[in-house]
């Protein structure tokens, strides 16, 4: 495999919506810890992003190899699935995954030995999630608990440990716990996209076992508990609390719509709108911890306005999808 082809496959496997969220968690970890020891922040930013991206590609390679048959049903027309589209062979993906896993470990060790331990745990989690005989992705709610450990904890801890030799303090731990629970609520919704192939191949997700209503309501509980946990760190009367209340309200309304939505296209638009509220929380928190002075409120309000527009646009798209759906 040539370097050019490997680079092209790497770009395909770094799936933008998820990568943006991962980089957001890493940036938030750096921002929250940076106030205590900012001396490594500028130097470590690129290295942190390399670690997170390389780990993520390793994880997606394992998942694509393990889910090839299911993806041919669920994602036959999707971009970024090179086995389904014929853009890569299984051997090429294996090579890419091994190289990326090694890069994540080496660069992580260069940042801090604790980052290397976090990456090693993340690589083991990726294998356990996708590879038999463990294959946590087949185990219903366990999968929804395991995946956020990689998607939230690994980038957040990598960012924190890269800039702070002291590690997590109480505030950082509370923030991580809240974001982890919120992301469980987000991950539960992923199964709506994959329900056809999961059912055909006997993959017992929470959605297939318990149905649409229970899935949406468990997701809502995770959004509420996670958001409340994060807001333990904020003054009761603050702009951050007001924005989080708005983000949470939008997510819960989206879950209400999803519970009563019938149709694959409208489901995916609704899930996308809900997911944007999770990203809004991460971006808002990053701005809150990164900036100081009177300009912080202006930036945070601008972020809130931007995501409000994104959410409204998504709901408008949902209405158009529902309106044109054939009966």
Protein backbone atom coordinates (compact mmCIF):
# COMPACT_ATOMS: atom_id res chain seq x y z
CA UNK A 1 0.00 0.00 0.00
CA UNK A 2 1.48 3.34 -1.06
CA UNK A 3 1.79 6.31 1.28
CA UNK A 4 -0.73 8.23 -0.81
CA UNK A 5 -3.29 5.42 -0.63
CA UNK A 6 -2.70 5.02 3.11
CA UNK A 7 -3.28 8.75 3.62
CA UNK A 8 -6.50 8.56 1.60
CA UNK A 9 -7.75 5.64 3.70
CA UNK A 10 -6.80 7.47 6.89
CA UNK A 11 -8.92 10.46 5.83
CA UNK A 12 -11.83 8.15 5.01
CA UNK A 13 -11.66 6.51 8.42
CA UNK A 14 -11.51 9.81 10.34
CA UNK A 15 -15.26 10.34 10.13
CA UNK A 16 -15.84 14.10 10.44
CA UNK A 17 -18.92 14.28 12.74
CA UNK A 18 -17.41 11.91 15.29
CA UNK A 19 -13.88 13.31 14.90
CA UNK A 20 -15.14 16.83 15.63
CA UNK A 21 -16.71 15.58 18.86
CA UNK A 22 -13.53 13.71 19.86
CA UNK A 23 -11.35 16.74 19.19
CA UNK A 24 -13.85 18.81 21.16
CA UNK A 25 -13.48 16.57 24.22
CA UNK A 26 -9.70 16.71 23.89
CA UNK A 27 -9.76 20.49 23.60
CA UNK A 28 -12.07 20.73 26.60
CA UNK A 29 -9.71 18.58 28.67
CA UNK A 30 -6.84 20.89 27.75
CA UNK A 31 -8.86 24.04 28.41
CA UNK A 32 -10.15 22.87 31.79
CA UNK A 33 -6.67 21.83 32.95
CA UNK A 34 -4.78 24.65 31.25
CA UNK A 35 -5.52 27.16 33.96
CA UNK A 36 -3.42 25.12 36.36
CA UNK A 37 -0.38 24.46 34.17
CA UNK A 38 -0.53 26.11 30.75
CA UNK A 39 3.15 25.66 29.88
CA UNK A 40 2.61 22.57 27.73
CA UNK A 41 -0.65 23.59 26.03
CA UNK A 42 0.68 25.12 22.81
CA UNK A 43 3.28 22.41 22.26
CA UNK A 44 0.93 19.57 23.11
CA UNK A 45 -2.16 20.52 21.06
CA UNK A 46 -1.03 18.97 17.78
CA UNK A 47 0.30 15.89 19.54
CA UNK A 48 -2.99 15.44 21.41
CA UNK A 49 -4.98 15.63 18.18
CA UNK A 50 -2.61 13.11 16.55
CA UNK A 51 -3.09 10.68 19.45
CA UNK A 52 -6.87 11.01 19.37
CA UNK A 53 -7.13 10.72 15.58
CA UNK A 54 -4.78 7.72 15.41
CA UNK A 55 -6.61 5.93 18.22
CA UNK A 56 -9.96 6.62 16.55
CA UNK A 57 -8.84 5.25 13.19
CA UNK A 58 -7.54 2.10 14.92
CA UNK A 59 -10.94 1.68 16.60
CA UNK A 60 -12.93 2.31 13.40
CA UNK A 61 -10.75 -0.15 11.47
CA UNK A 62 -11.52 -2.90 13.97
CA UNK A 63 -15.21 -2.01 13.91
CA UNK A 64 -15.38 -2.01 10.09
CA UNK A 65 -13.62 -5.37 9.94
CA UNK A 66 -16.00 -6.86 12.48
CA UNK A 67 -19.17 -5.30 11.06
CA UNK A 68 -18.55 -5.66 7.31
CA UNK A 69 -21.65 -7.78 6.66
CA UNK A 70 -23.88 -5.57 8.82
CA UNK A 71 -22.52 -2.41 7.17
CA UNK A 72 -23.42 -3.79 3.75
CA UNK A 73 -27.05 -3.69 4.91
CA UNK A 74 -27.08 -0.53 7.03
CA UNK A 75 -24.56 1.63 5.17
CA UNK A 76 -24.60 0.41 1.59
CA UNK A 77 -24.62 3.98 0.24
CA UNK A 78 -22.59 5.64 2.99
CA UNK A 79 -19.25 7.28 2.44
CA UNK A 80 -16.33 6.41 4.69
CA UNK A 81 -16.87 2.64 4.71
CA UNK A 82 -14.06 1.47 2.40
CA UNK A 83 -14.85 -2.24 2.71
CA UNK A 84 -18.43 -1.65 1.61
CA UNK A 85 -17.47 0.76 -1.17
CA UNK A 86 -14.55 -1.35 -2.37
CA UNK A 87 -11.97 1.38 -1.66
CA UNK A 88 -9.85 -0.93 0.51
CA UNK A 89 -9.18 -4.59 1.20
CA UNK A 90 -9.29 -6.15 4.63
CA UNK A 91 -5.50 -6.51 4.64
CA UNK A 92 -5.05 -2.82 3.82
CA UNK A 93 -7.34 -1.82 6.67
CA UNK A 94 -5.52 -4.13 9.07
CA UNK A 95 -2.21 -2.52 8.15
CA UNK A 96 -3.63 0.96 8.61
CA UNK A 97 -5.09 0.02 11.99
CA UNK A 98 -1.83 -1.42 13.29
CA UNK A 99 0.16 1.62 12.21
CA UNK A 100 -2.34 4.01 13.77
CA UNK A 101 -2.39 2.07 17.03
CA UNK A 102 1.41 2.25 17.19
CA UNK A 103 1.41 5.98 16.39
CA UNK A 104 -1.13 6.66 19.13
CA UNK A 105 0.98 4.78 21.68
CA UNK A 106 4.31 6.35 20.68
CA UNK A 107 3.04 9.93 20.52
CA UNK A 108 1.06 9.40 23.72
CA UNK A 109 4.19 8.19 25.51
CA UNK A 110 6.05 11.27 24.25
CA UNK A 111 3.39 13.45 25.89
CA UNK A 112 3.29 11.65 29.24
CA UNK A 113 3.55 8.06 30.43
CA UNK A 114 0.01 8.34 31.82
CA UNK A 115 -1.26 9.29 28.35
CA UNK A 116 0.37 6.11 27.03
CA UNK A 117 -1.55 4.11 29.65
CA UNK A 118 -4.81 5.81 28.67
CA UNK A 119 -4.12 5.04 24.99
CA UNK A 120 -3.24 1.40 25.77
CA UNK A 121 -6.54 1.06 27.66
CA UNK A 122 -8.34 2.69 24.71
CA UNK A 123 -6.76 0.27 22.23
CA UNK A 124 -7.81 -2.67 24.41
CA UNK A 125 -11.33 -1.24 24.65
CA UNK A 126 -11.51 -0.87 20.86
CA UNK A 127 -10.56 -4.52 20.43
CA UNK A 128 -13.01 -5.67 23.10
CA UNK A 129 -15.79 -3.63 21.49
CA UNK A 130 -15.41 -5.05 17.97
CA UNK A 131 -13.46 -8.33 18.05
CA UNK A 132 -14.76 -11.76 19.04
CA UNK A 133 -15.04 -13.52 21.40
CA UNK A 134 -15.71 -10.48 23.63
CA UNK A 135 -17.32 -8.15 21.07
CA UNK A 136 -19.08 -5.72 23.41
CA UNK A 137 -20.93 -4.16 20.47
CA UNK A 138 -23.27 -7.18 20.51
CA UNK A 139 -24.13 -6.80 24.18
CA UNK A 140 -26.95 -4.27 24.30
CA UNK A 141 -26.65 -1.63 26.99
CA UNK A 142 -23.06 -2.70 27.76
CA UNK A 143 -22.07 -1.34 24.35
CA UNK A 144 -23.67 2.00 25.18
CA UNK A 145 -21.64 2.14 28.40
CA UNK A 146 -18.36 1.07 26.79
CA UNK A 147 -18.31 3.29 23.71
CA UNK A 148 -18.41 6.62 25.60
CA UNK A 149 -15.40 5.43 27.63
CA UNK A 150 -13.44 5.66 24.39
CA UNK A 151 -15.19 8.59 22.75
CA UNK A 152 -15.27 10.83 25.85
CA UNK A 153 -12.78 9.62 28.45
CA UNK A 154 -9.81 8.92 26.18
CA UNK A 155 -9.67 12.31 24.41
CA UNK A 156 -10.57 14.23 27.57
CA UNK A 157 -7.90 12.48 29.68
CA UNK A 158 -5.34 12.79 26.88
CA UNK A 159 -5.93 16.53 26.72
CA UNK A 160 -5.86 16.95 30.49
CA UNK A 161 -2.74 14.87 31.13
CA UNK A 162 -0.88 16.50 28.24
CA UNK A 163 -0.99 19.92 29.92
CA UNK A 164 -1.26 19.14 33.63
CA UNK A 165 1.24 16.95 35.47
CA UNK A 166 -1.04 16.83 38.50
CA UNK A 167 -3.79 15.01 36.60
CA UNK A 168 -7.53 15.27 37.22
CA UNK A 169 -8.73 17.40 40.10
CA UNK A 170 -12.24 17.20 41.56
CA UNK A 171 -13.62 19.68 39.04
CA UNK A 172 -12.15 17.79 36.12
CA UNK A 173 -13.53 14.49 37.42
CA UNK A 174 -17.05 15.90 37.87
CA UNK A 175 -16.95 17.41 34.38
CA UNK A 176 -15.78 14.13 32.85
CA UNK A 177 -18.47 12.14 34.67
CA UNK A 178 -21.22 14.47 33.47
CA UNK A 179 -20.06 14.42 29.85
CA UNK A 180 -19.74 10.63 29.95
CA UNK A 181 -23.38 10.23 31.04
CA UNK A 182 -24.62 12.74 28.45
CA UNK A 183 -22.77 10.82 25.73
CA UNK A 184 -24.41 7.56 26.81
CA UNK A 185 -27.69 9.26 25.93
CA UNK A 186 -26.26 10.17 22.53
CA UNK A 187 -24.82 6.71 21.81
CA UNK A 188 -28.15 5.00 22.51
CA UNK A 189 -29.56 6.84 19.49
CA UNK A 190 -26.93 5.46 17.10
CA UNK A 191 -28.85 2.20 16.94
CA UNK A 192 -31.78 3.82 15.08
CA UNK A 193 -29.57 4.09 11.98
CA UNK A 194 -28.41 0.48 12.21
CA UNK A 195 -31.58 -1.29 13.27
CA UNK A 196 -32.17 -3.22 10.03
CA UNK A 197 -28.76 -4.85 9.83
CA UNK A 198 -28.55 -5.36 13.60
CA UNK A 199 -31.86 -7.25 13.57
CA UNK A 200 -30.86 -9.35 10.57
CA UNK A 201 -27.58 -10.47 12.15
CA UNK A 202 -28.90 -10.94 15.68
CA UNK A 203 -27.15 -7.96 17.25
CA UNK A 204 -29.15 -7.37 20.42
CA UNK A 205 -28.95 -3.62 20.89
CA UNK A 206 -30.94 -1.82 23.58
CA UNK A 207 -33.30 -0.51 20.89
CA UNK A 208 -34.06 -3.98 19.55
CA UNK A 209 -34.52 -5.44 23.02
CA UNK A 210 -36.62 -2.72 24.59
CA UNK A 211 -38.09 -0.64 21.77
CA UNK A 212 -38.24 2.99 20.70
CA UNK A 213 -40.02 4.38 23.75
CA UNK A 214 -37.67 2.89 26.35
CA UNK A 215 -34.61 3.91 24.33
CA UNK A 216 -35.72 7.53 24.03
CA UNK A 217 -36.63 7.73 27.69
CA UNK A 218 -33.36 6.21 28.89
CA UNK A 219 -31.54 8.63 26.62
CA UNK A 220 -33.51 11.53 28.12
CA UNK A 221 -32.58 10.41 31.64
CA UNK A 222 -28.89 10.34 30.66
CA UNK A 223 -29.08 13.84 29.18
CA UNK A 224 -30.74 15.16 32.35
CA UNK A 225 -28.40 13.46 34.84
CA UNK A 226 -25.26 14.26 32.83
CA UNK A 227 -26.18 17.92 32.32
CA UNK A 228 -27.07 18.34 35.99
CA UNK A 229 -23.71 16.83 36.96
CA UNK A 230 -21.79 19.27 34.77
CA UNK A 231 -23.76 22.19 36.16
CA UNK A 232 -22.68 21.33 39.71
CA UNK A 233 -19.57 23.29 38.72
CA UNK A 234 -21.42 26.45 37.65
CA UNK A 235 -22.99 29.21 39.77
CA UNK A 236 -26.78 28.82 39.94
CA UNK A 237 -27.37 32.19 38.29
CA UNK A 238 -25.02 32.18 35.35
CA UNK A 239 -25.08 32.31 31.58
CA UNK A 240 -23.66 28.80 31.45
CA UNK A 241 -26.66 27.42 33.36
CA UNK A 242 -29.10 29.25 31.09
CA UNK A 243 -27.44 27.94 27.93
CA UNK A 244 -27.23 24.38 29.24
CA UNK A 245 -30.92 24.52 30.16
CA UNK A 246 -31.66 25.57 26.57
CA UNK A 247 -29.45 22.82 25.12
CA UNK A 248 -31.03 20.22 27.40
CA UNK A 249 -34.54 21.41 26.55
CA UNK A 250 -33.77 21.16 22.84
CA UNK A 251 -32.36 17.64 23.26
CA UNK A 252 -35.38 16.50 25.25
CA UNK A 253 -37.78 17.96 22.69
CA UNK A 254 -35.84 16.15 19.97
CA UNK A 255 -36.17 12.90 21.91
CA UNK A 256 -39.92 13.48 22.21
CA UNK A 257 -40.10 13.88 18.43
CA UNK A 258 -37.93 10.81 17.88
CA UNK A 259 -40.17 8.70 20.11
CA UNK A 260 -43.09 9.55 17.83
CA UNK A 261 -41.20 9.55 14.51
CA UNK A 262 -41.85 6.91 11.87
CA UNK A 263 -39.48 6.81 8.93
CA UNK A 264 -35.75 6.25 8.57
CA UNK A 265 -34.91 9.61 6.99
CA UNK A 266 -36.83 11.67 9.55
CA UNK A 267 -35.31 9.58 12.36
CA UNK A 268 -31.78 10.37 11.22
CA UNK A 269 -32.46 14.09 10.84
CA UNK A 270 -33.91 14.14 14.36
CA UNK A 271 -30.99 12.19 15.82
CA UNK A 272 -28.61 14.61 14.12
CA UNK A 273 -30.39 17.59 15.68
CA UNK A 274 -30.12 16.03 19.14
CA UNK A 275 -26.44 15.25 18.62
CA UNK A 276 -25.72 18.91 17.80
CA UNK A 277 -26.86 19.82 21.31
CA UNK A 278 -24.20 17.57 22.77
CA UNK A 279 -21.57 19.24 20.60
CA UNK A 280 -22.94 22.63 21.65
CA UNK A 281 -22.33 21.71 25.29
CA UNK A 282 -18.72 20.74 24.60
CA UNK A 283 -17.95 23.85 22.53
CA UNK A 284 -19.60 26.14 25.09
CA UNK A 285 -17.65 24.58 27.97
CA UNK A 286 -14.39 24.84 26.03
CA UNK A 287 -14.99 28.54 25.42
CA UNK A 288 -15.93 29.02 29.07
CA UNK A 289 -12.68 27.47 30.31
CA UNK A 290 -10.44 28.90 27.59
CA UNK A 291 -11.46 32.57 27.69
CA UNK A 292 -11.37 35.12 30.45
CA UNK A 293 -12.72 38.59 31.01
CA UNK A 294 -15.81 40.33 29.74
CA UNK A 295 -15.47 38.91 26.22
CA UNK A 296 -16.34 35.41 27.40
CA UNK A 297 -20.08 36.11 27.63
CA UNK A 298 -20.18 37.50 24.09
CA UNK A 299 -18.41 34.45 22.64
CA UNK A 300 -20.54 31.99 24.59
CA UNK A 301 -23.73 33.74 23.48
CA UNK A 302 -22.53 33.63 19.87
CA UNK A 303 -21.92 29.89 20.22
CA UNK A 304 -25.41 29.43 21.63
CA UNK A 305 -26.95 31.44 18.79
CA UNK A 306 -25.03 29.42 16.20
CA UNK A 307 -26.20 26.07 17.57
CA UNK A 308 -29.76 27.36 17.94
CA UNK A 309 -29.70 28.10 14.22
CA UNK A 310 -28.25 24.67 13.44
CA UNK A 311 -30.94 22.99 15.55
CA UNK A 312 -33.76 25.00 13.99
CA UNK A 313 -32.48 24.19 10.51
CA UNK A 314 -32.38 20.48 11.34
CA UNK A 315 -35.96 20.53 12.62
CA UNK A 316 -37.00 22.36 9.46
CA UNK A 317 -35.37 19.62 7.40
CA UNK A 318 -37.23 17.04 9.48
CA UNK A 319 -40.56 18.71 8.72
CA UNK A 320 -39.80 18.65 5.00
CA UNK A 321 -38.83 14.97 5.16
CA UNK A 322 -42.05 14.10 6.99
CA UNK A 323 -44.12 16.17 4.57
CA UNK A 324 -42.81 14.42 1.47
CA UNK A 325 -42.77 10.90 2.88
CA UNK A 326 -45.03 8.61 0.85
CA UNK A 327 -47.79 6.77 2.65
